[in-house]
């Protein structure tokens, strides 16, 4: 179970202010391309599951993940997540021809086949996706991720932090944002939900 605090930053100005204040703690920048897959009849999403290919820093790495039964309440996200590395070239070929997903050697794709009955016969379709620039900071023994997410219909900014103590971390982050006058609100939708809705929250 992945548990994260998710706070939506008010606008580009809040994003710039936050990343500027956190700059002494900067660890790395990740350029992510997130693409989502389902069957033509939405087999996965109808069972509250999402299959994602994430390409990192162009095609340096690719991670396939299966997320299931997400909840997002008061800025705390909980989701069952399983992920593994894929060969980026093979994964890119699957984007061009999603049917290939049912044929590649992958523990997660095997799970999808067994649990959802999705394989070569049913086939996958690519739903599209979005790009995300993730700035990672090591701050007060926490790994903070500040995202600039570019959808086809606009840009969103978000602060995320994975933790086993989400309420304590949320309190700490809220105090920090308020002290620095950075506008925020609790995230109410996952990035995938925003993407599927076709409009900014």
C-alpha atoms as a PDB file:
ATOM      1  CA  UNK A   1       0.000   0.000   0.000  1.00  0.00           C
ATOM      2  CA  UNK A   2       1.433   3.363  -1.064  1.00  0.00           C
ATOM      3  CA  UNK A   3       0.432   6.206   1.266  1.00  0.00           C
ATOM      4  CA  UNK A   4       1.170   9.772   0.201  1.00  0.00           C
ATOM      5  CA  UNK A   5       0.337  13.304   1.236  1.00  0.00           C
ATOM      6  CA  UNK A   6      -0.819  15.235  -1.847  1.00  0.00           C
ATOM      7  CA  UNK A   7      -1.220  19.007  -1.718  1.00  0.00           C
ATOM      8  CA  UNK A   8      -2.211  20.968  -4.810  1.00  0.00           C
ATOM      9  CA  UNK A   9      -0.255  24.194  -5.235  1.00  0.00           C
ATOM     10  CA  UNK A  10      -2.374  27.208  -6.119  1.00  0.00           C
ATOM     11  CA  UNK A  11      -0.570  28.265  -9.285  1.00  0.00           C
ATOM     12  CA  UNK A  12       2.748  28.646 -11.110  1.00  0.00           C
ATOM     13  CA  UNK A  13       3.800  31.384  -8.705  1.00  0.00           C
ATOM     14  CA  UNK A  14       3.307  29.095  -5.686  1.00  0.00           C
ATOM     15  CA  UNK A  15       5.267  26.385  -7.498  1.00  0.00           C
ATOM     16  CA  UNK A  16       8.181  28.736  -8.236  1.00  0.00           C
ATOM     17  CA  UNK A  17       8.190  30.054  -4.680  1.00  0.00           C
ATOM     18  CA  UNK A  18       8.222  26.563  -3.173  1.00  0.00           C
ATOM     19  CA  UNK A  19      10.957  25.193  -5.437  1.00  0.00           C
ATOM     20  CA  UNK A  20      13.034  28.327  -4.777  1.00  0.00           C
ATOM     21  CA  UNK A  21      12.771  27.966  -0.981  1.00  0.00           C
ATOM     22  CA  UNK A  22      13.578  24.258  -1.195  1.00  0.00           C
ATOM     23  CA  UNK A  23      16.465  24.700  -3.674  1.00  0.00           C
ATOM     24  CA  UNK A  24      19.247  24.082  -1.058  1.00  0.00           C
ATOM     25  CA  UNK A  25      17.725  20.619  -0.525  1.00  0.00           C
ATOM     26  CA  UNK A  26      17.404  19.709  -4.227  1.00  0.00           C
ATOM     27  CA  UNK A  27      18.271  16.093  -5.034  1.00  0.00           C
ATOM     28  CA  UNK A  28      17.309  15.520  -8.672  1.00  0.00           C
ATOM     29  CA  UNK A  29      14.949  16.394 -11.513  1.00  0.00           C
ATOM     30  CA  UNK A  30      12.949  13.677 -13.238  1.00  0.00           C
ATOM     31  CA  UNK A  31      11.224  14.090 -16.582  1.00  0.00           C
ATOM     32  CA  UNK A  32       8.369  11.595 -16.701  1.00  0.00           C
ATOM     33  CA  UNK A  33       6.123  10.582 -19.570  1.00  0.00           C
ATOM     34  CA  UNK A  34       3.087   8.722 -18.210  1.00  0.00           C
ATOM     35  CA  UNK A  35       0.965   6.609 -20.564  1.00  0.00           C
ATOM     36  CA  UNK A  36      -2.075   4.568 -19.548  1.00  0.00           C
ATOM     37  CA  UNK A  37      -3.595   1.399 -20.958  1.00  0.00           C
ATOM     38  CA  UNK A  38      -6.866  -0.466 -20.683  1.00  0.00           C
ATOM     39  CA  UNK A  39      -8.995  -2.760 -22.805  1.00  0.00           C
ATOM     40  CA  UNK A  40     -11.454  -1.386 -25.380  1.00  0.00           C
ATOM     41  CA  UNK A  41     -14.223  -2.110 -22.831  1.00  0.00           C
ATOM     42  CA  UNK A  42     -12.386  -0.476 -19.872  1.00  0.00           C
ATOM     43  CA  UNK A  43     -11.896  -3.760 -18.000  1.00  0.00           C
ATOM     44  CA  UNK A  44      -9.298  -2.297 -15.611  1.00  0.00           C
ATOM     45  CA  UNK A  45     -10.825   1.087 -14.860  1.00  0.00           C
ATOM     46  CA  UNK A  46     -14.239  -0.508 -14.276  1.00  0.00           C
ATOM     47  CA  UNK A  47     -12.531  -2.391 -11.418  1.00  0.00           C
ATOM     48  CA  UNK A  48     -10.774   0.750 -10.108  1.00  0.00           C
ATOM     49  CA  UNK A  49      -7.397  -0.255 -11.512  1.00  0.00           C
ATOM     50  CA  UNK A  50      -4.872   1.564 -13.704  1.00  0.00           C
ATOM     51  CA  UNK A  51      -2.046   0.176 -15.850  1.00  0.00           C
ATOM     52  CA  UNK A  52       0.693   2.736 -16.489  1.00  0.00           C
ATOM     53  CA  UNK A  53       3.964   2.877 -18.385  1.00  0.00           C
ATOM     54  CA  UNK A  54       6.254   5.608 -17.059  1.00  0.00           C
ATOM     55  CA  UNK A  55       9.237   6.615 -19.176  1.00  0.00           C
ATOM     56  CA  UNK A  56      11.927   8.472 -17.208  1.00  0.00           C
ATOM     57  CA  UNK A  57      14.299  11.088 -18.651  1.00  0.00           C
ATOM     58  CA  UNK A  58      13.308  10.374 -22.248  1.00  0.00           C
ATOM     59  CA  UNK A  59      13.724   6.591 -22.559  1.00  0.00           C
ATOM     60  CA  UNK A  60      16.516   6.034 -20.024  1.00  0.00           C
ATOM     61  CA  UNK A  61      14.223   3.836 -17.908  1.00  0.00           C
ATOM     62  CA  UNK A  62      10.667   2.549 -18.029  1.00  0.00           C
ATOM     63  CA  UNK A  63       8.529   1.363 -15.117  1.00  0.00           C
ATOM     64  CA  UNK A  64       5.246  -0.487 -15.527  1.00  0.00           C
ATOM     65  CA  UNK A  65       2.839  -0.174 -12.626  1.00  0.00           C
ATOM     66  CA  UNK A  66      -0.557  -1.504 -11.672  1.00  0.00           C
ATOM     67  CA  UNK A  67      -2.487   0.667  -9.232  1.00  0.00           C
ATOM     68  CA  UNK A  68      -5.715  -0.491  -7.646  1.00  0.00           C
ATOM     69  CA  UNK A  69      -8.528   0.878  -5.486  1.00  0.00           C
ATOM     70  CA  UNK A  70      -7.193   4.399  -4.878  1.00  0.00           C
ATOM     71  CA  UNK A  71      -8.631   6.665  -2.201  1.00  0.00           C
ATOM     72  CA  UNK A  72      -7.820  10.341  -1.739  1.00  0.00           C
ATOM     73  CA  UNK A  73      -9.256  11.915   1.404  1.00  0.00           C
ATOM     74  CA  UNK A  74      -8.192  15.230   2.997  1.00  0.00           C
ATOM     75  CA  UNK A  75      -4.978  15.302   0.979  1.00  0.00           C
ATOM     76  CA  UNK A  76      -3.921  11.735   1.869  1.00  0.00           C
ATOM     77  CA  UNK A  77      -3.767   9.177  -0.928  1.00  0.00           C
ATOM     78  CA  UNK A  78      -3.807   5.417  -0.394  1.00  0.00           C
ATOM     79  CA  UNK A  79      -3.416   2.995  -3.274  1.00  0.00           C
ATOM     80  CA  UNK A  80      -2.337  -0.604  -3.788  1.00  0.00           C
ATOM     81  CA  UNK A  81       0.665  -0.357  -6.133  1.00  0.00           C
ATOM     82  CA  UNK A  82       2.820  -2.966  -7.841  1.00  0.00           C
ATOM     83  CA  UNK A  83       5.626  -1.986 -10.203  1.00  0.00           C
ATOM     84  CA  UNK A  84       8.626  -3.333 -12.072  1.00  0.00           C
ATOM     85  CA  UNK A  85      11.223  -2.173 -14.585  1.00  0.00           C
ATOM     86  CA  UNK A  86      10.724  -2.877 -18.280  1.00  0.00           C
ATOM     87  CA  UNK A  87      13.153  -2.605 -21.152  1.00  0.00           C
ATOM     88  CA  UNK A  88      12.467   0.915 -22.508  1.00  0.00           C
ATOM     89  CA  UNK A  89      12.743  -0.185 -26.159  1.00  0.00           C
ATOM     90  CA  UNK A  90      10.230  -3.001 -25.688  1.00  0.00           C
ATOM     91  CA  UNK A  91       7.934  -0.684 -23.738  1.00  0.00           C
ATOM     92  CA  UNK A  92       8.108   1.997 -26.439  1.00  0.00           C
ATOM     93  CA  UNK A  93       7.145  -0.620 -29.032  1.00  0.00           C
ATOM     94  CA  UNK A  94       4.075  -1.386 -26.881  1.00  0.00           C
ATOM     95  CA  UNK A  95       3.055   2.277 -27.059  1.00  0.00           C
ATOM     96  CA  UNK A  96       3.166   2.090 -30.863  1.00  0.00           C
ATOM     97  CA  UNK A  97       1.305  -1.240 -30.851  1.00  0.00           C
ATOM     98  CA  UNK A  98      -0.511  -1.821 -27.510  1.00  0.00           C
ATOM     99  CA  UNK A  99      -1.367  -5.421 -28.462  1.00  0.00           C
ATOM    100  CA  UNK A 100       2.314  -6.215 -27.738  1.00  0.00           C
ATOM    101  CA  UNK A 101       1.664  -5.602 -24.026  1.00  0.00           C
ATOM    102  CA  UNK A 102      -0.069  -8.953 -23.828  1.00  0.00           C
ATOM    103  CA  UNK A 103       3.030 -10.703 -25.174  1.00  0.00           C
ATOM    104  CA  UNK A 104       5.953  -9.252 -23.220  1.00  0.00           C
ATOM    105  CA  UNK A 105       7.610 -11.022 -20.308  1.00  0.00           C
ATOM    106  CA  UNK A 106       6.427  -9.162 -17.222  1.00  0.00           C
ATOM    107  CA  UNK A 107       5.263 -10.200 -13.777  1.00  0.00           C
ATOM    108  CA  UNK A 108       2.742  -7.346 -13.707  1.00  0.00           C
ATOM    109  CA  UNK A 109       1.328  -8.065 -17.161  1.00  0.00           C
ATOM    110  CA  UNK A 110       0.977 -11.698 -16.054  1.00  0.00           C
ATOM    111  CA  UNK A 111      -1.000 -10.453 -13.022  1.00  0.00           C
ATOM    112  CA  UNK A 112      -3.264  -8.386 -15.295  1.00  0.00           C
ATOM    113  CA  UNK A 113      -3.884 -11.433 -17.451  1.00  0.00           C
ATOM    114  CA  UNK A 114      -4.671 -13.662 -14.459  1.00  0.00           C
ATOM    115  CA  UNK A 115      -6.678 -11.199 -12.344  1.00  0.00           C
ATOM    116  CA  UNK A 116      -8.554  -9.312 -15.059  1.00  0.00           C
ATOM    117  CA  UNK A 117      -8.588 -11.853 -17.890  1.00  0.00           C
ATOM    118  CA  UNK A 118      -6.749  -9.462 -20.189  1.00  0.00           C
ATOM    119  CA  UNK A 119      -4.253 -10.957 -22.604  1.00  0.00           C
ATOM    120  CA  UNK A 120      -3.446 -11.303 -26.271  1.00  0.00           C
ATOM    121  CA  UNK A 121      -7.032 -12.231 -27.141  1.00  0.00           C
ATOM    122  CA  UNK A 122      -8.693  -9.170 -25.570  1.00  0.00           C
ATOM    123  CA  UNK A 123      -5.843  -6.747 -26.206  1.00  0.00           C
ATOM    124  CA  UNK A 124      -4.964  -3.320 -24.855  1.00  0.00           C
ATOM    125  CA  UNK A 125      -5.517   0.214 -26.101  1.00  0.00           C
ATOM    126  CA  UNK A 126      -3.455   3.243 -25.161  1.00  0.00           C
ATOM    127  CA  UNK A 127      -5.580   5.892 -23.437  1.00  0.00           C
ATOM    128  CA  UNK A 128      -2.920   8.588 -23.860  1.00  0.00           C
ATOM    129  CA  UNK A 129      -1.313  10.376 -20.952  1.00  0.00           C
ATOM    130  CA  UNK A 130       0.643  13.403 -19.786  1.00  0.00           C
ATOM    131  CA  UNK A 131       4.117  14.692 -19.018  1.00  0.00           C
ATOM    132  CA  UNK A 132       5.369  15.453 -15.537  1.00  0.00           C
ATOM    133  CA  UNK A 133       8.478  17.300 -14.373  1.00  0.00           C
ATOM    134  CA  UNK A 134       9.296  16.140 -10.842  1.00  0.00           C
ATOM    135  CA  UNK A 135      11.704  18.075  -8.624  1.00  0.00           C
ATOM    136  CA  UNK A 136      12.890  15.905  -5.722  1.00  0.00           C
ATOM    137  CA  UNK A 137      14.075  17.416  -2.429  1.00  0.00           C
ATOM    138  CA  UNK A 138      15.506  15.824   0.724  1.00  0.00           C
ATOM    139  CA  UNK A 139      14.048  18.006   3.479  1.00  0.00           C
ATOM    140  CA  UNK A 140      13.852  17.185   7.197  1.00  0.00           C
ATOM    141  CA  UNK A 141      14.388  13.471   6.536  1.00  0.00           C
ATOM    142  CA  UNK A 142      11.509  13.501   4.065  1.00  0.00           C
ATOM    143  CA  UNK A 143      11.575  13.023   0.300  1.00  0.00           C
ATOM    144  CA  UNK A 144       9.452  15.822  -1.129  1.00  0.00           C
ATOM    145  CA  UNK A 145       8.341  15.632  -4.754  1.00  0.00           C
ATOM    146  CA  UNK A 146       7.161  18.842  -6.392  1.00  0.00           C
ATOM    147  CA  UNK A 147       5.374  18.202  -9.688  1.00  0.00           C
ATOM    148  CA  UNK A 148       4.606  20.327 -12.713  1.00  0.00           C
ATOM    149  CA  UNK A 149       2.126  18.225 -14.691  1.00  0.00           C
ATOM    150  CA  UNK A 150       1.349  19.145 -18.295  1.00  0.00           C
ATOM    151  CA  UNK A 151      -1.982  17.889 -19.569  1.00  0.00           C
ATOM    152  CA  UNK A 152      -3.368  18.549 -23.025  1.00  0.00           C
ATOM    153  CA  UNK A 153      -5.767  21.045 -21.394  1.00  0.00           C
ATOM    154  CA  UNK A 154      -3.537  22.852 -18.873  1.00  0.00           C
ATOM    155  CA  UNK A 155      -0.897  22.606 -16.157  1.00  0.00           C
ATOM    156  CA  UNK A 156      -1.226  21.518 -12.520  1.00  0.00           C
ATOM    157  CA  UNK A 157       1.254  21.843  -9.644  1.00  0.00           C
ATOM    158  CA  UNK A 158       1.416  19.469  -6.713  1.00  0.00           C
ATOM    159  CA  UNK A 159       3.510  18.645  -3.652  1.00  0.00           C
ATOM    160  CA  UNK A 160       3.728  14.952  -2.742  1.00  0.00           C
ATOM    161  CA  UNK A 161       5.392  13.066   0.093  1.00  0.00           C
ATOM    162  CA  UNK A 162       5.206   9.327   0.724  1.00  0.00           C
ATOM    163  CA  UNK A 163       5.087   8.494   4.422  1.00  0.00           C
ATOM    164  CA  UNK A 164       3.922   5.937   6.957  1.00  0.00           C
ATOM    165  CA  UNK A 165       2.802   8.890   9.095  1.00  0.00           C
ATOM    166  CA  UNK A 166       0.730  10.892   6.617  1.00  0.00           C
ATOM    167  CA  UNK A 167      -1.129  12.959   9.217  1.00  0.00           C
ATOM    168  CA  UNK A 168       2.105  14.061  10.908  1.00  0.00           C
ATOM    169  CA  UNK A 169       3.755  14.879   7.582  1.00  0.00           C
ATOM    170  CA  UNK A 170       0.680  16.732   6.332  1.00  0.00           C
ATOM    171  CA  UNK A 171       0.679  18.895   9.464  1.00  0.00           C
ATOM    172  CA  UNK A 172       4.390  19.667   9.029  1.00  0.00           C
ATOM    173  CA  UNK A 173       3.985  20.536   5.336  1.00  0.00           C
ATOM    174  CA  UNK A 174       0.912  22.687   5.923  1.00  0.00           C
ATOM    175  CA  UNK A 175       2.734  24.688   8.612  1.00  0.00           C
ATOM    176  CA  UNK A 176       5.702  25.134   6.256  1.00  0.00           C
ATOM    177  CA  UNK A 177       3.523  26.313   3.358  1.00  0.00           C
ATOM    178  CA  UNK A 178       1.535  28.704   5.572  1.00  0.00           C
ATOM    179  CA  UNK A 179       4.691  30.177   7.138  1.00  0.00           C
ATOM    180  CA  UNK A 180       5.969  30.972   3.652  1.00  0.00           C
ATOM    181  CA  UNK A 181       2.649  32.273   2.314  1.00  0.00           C
ATOM    182  CA  UNK A 182       2.388  29.576  -0.347  1.00  0.00           C
ATOM    183  CA  UNK A 183      -1.177  28.976  -1.535  1.00  0.00           C
ATOM    184  CA  UNK A 184      -2.323  25.363  -1.524  1.00  0.00           C
ATOM    185  CA  UNK A 185      -5.311  23.062  -1.062  1.00  0.00           C
ATOM    186  CA  UNK A 186      -5.813  19.346  -0.497  1.00  0.00           C
ATOM    187  CA  UNK A 187      -5.621  17.401  -3.740  1.00  0.00           C
ATOM    188  CA  UNK A 188      -9.039  15.939  -4.449  1.00  0.00           C
ATOM    189  CA  UNK A 189      -8.233  13.925  -7.597  1.00  0.00           C
ATOM    190  CA  UNK A 190      -5.364  11.709  -8.691  1.00  0.00           C
ATOM    191  CA  UNK A 191      -3.406  12.801 -11.761  1.00  0.00           C
ATOM    192  CA  UNK A 192      -5.008   9.965 -13.724  1.00  0.00           C
ATOM    193  CA  UNK A 193      -8.492  11.098 -12.673  1.00  0.00           C
ATOM    194  CA  UNK A 194      -7.685  14.663 -13.758  1.00  0.00           C
ATOM    195  CA  UNK A 195      -6.395  13.343 -17.100  1.00  0.00           C
ATOM    196  CA  UNK A 196      -9.557  11.283 -17.671  1.00  0.00           C
ATOM    197  CA  UNK A 197     -11.835  14.183 -16.710  1.00  0.00           C
ATOM    198  CA  UNK A 198     -10.300  16.346 -19.438  1.00  0.00           C
ATOM    199  CA  UNK A 199     -10.245  19.509 -17.305  1.00  0.00           C
ATOM    200  CA  UNK A 200      -8.227  21.031 -14.474  1.00  0.00           C
ATOM    201  CA  UNK A 201      -9.664  20.552 -10.961  1.00  0.00           C
END
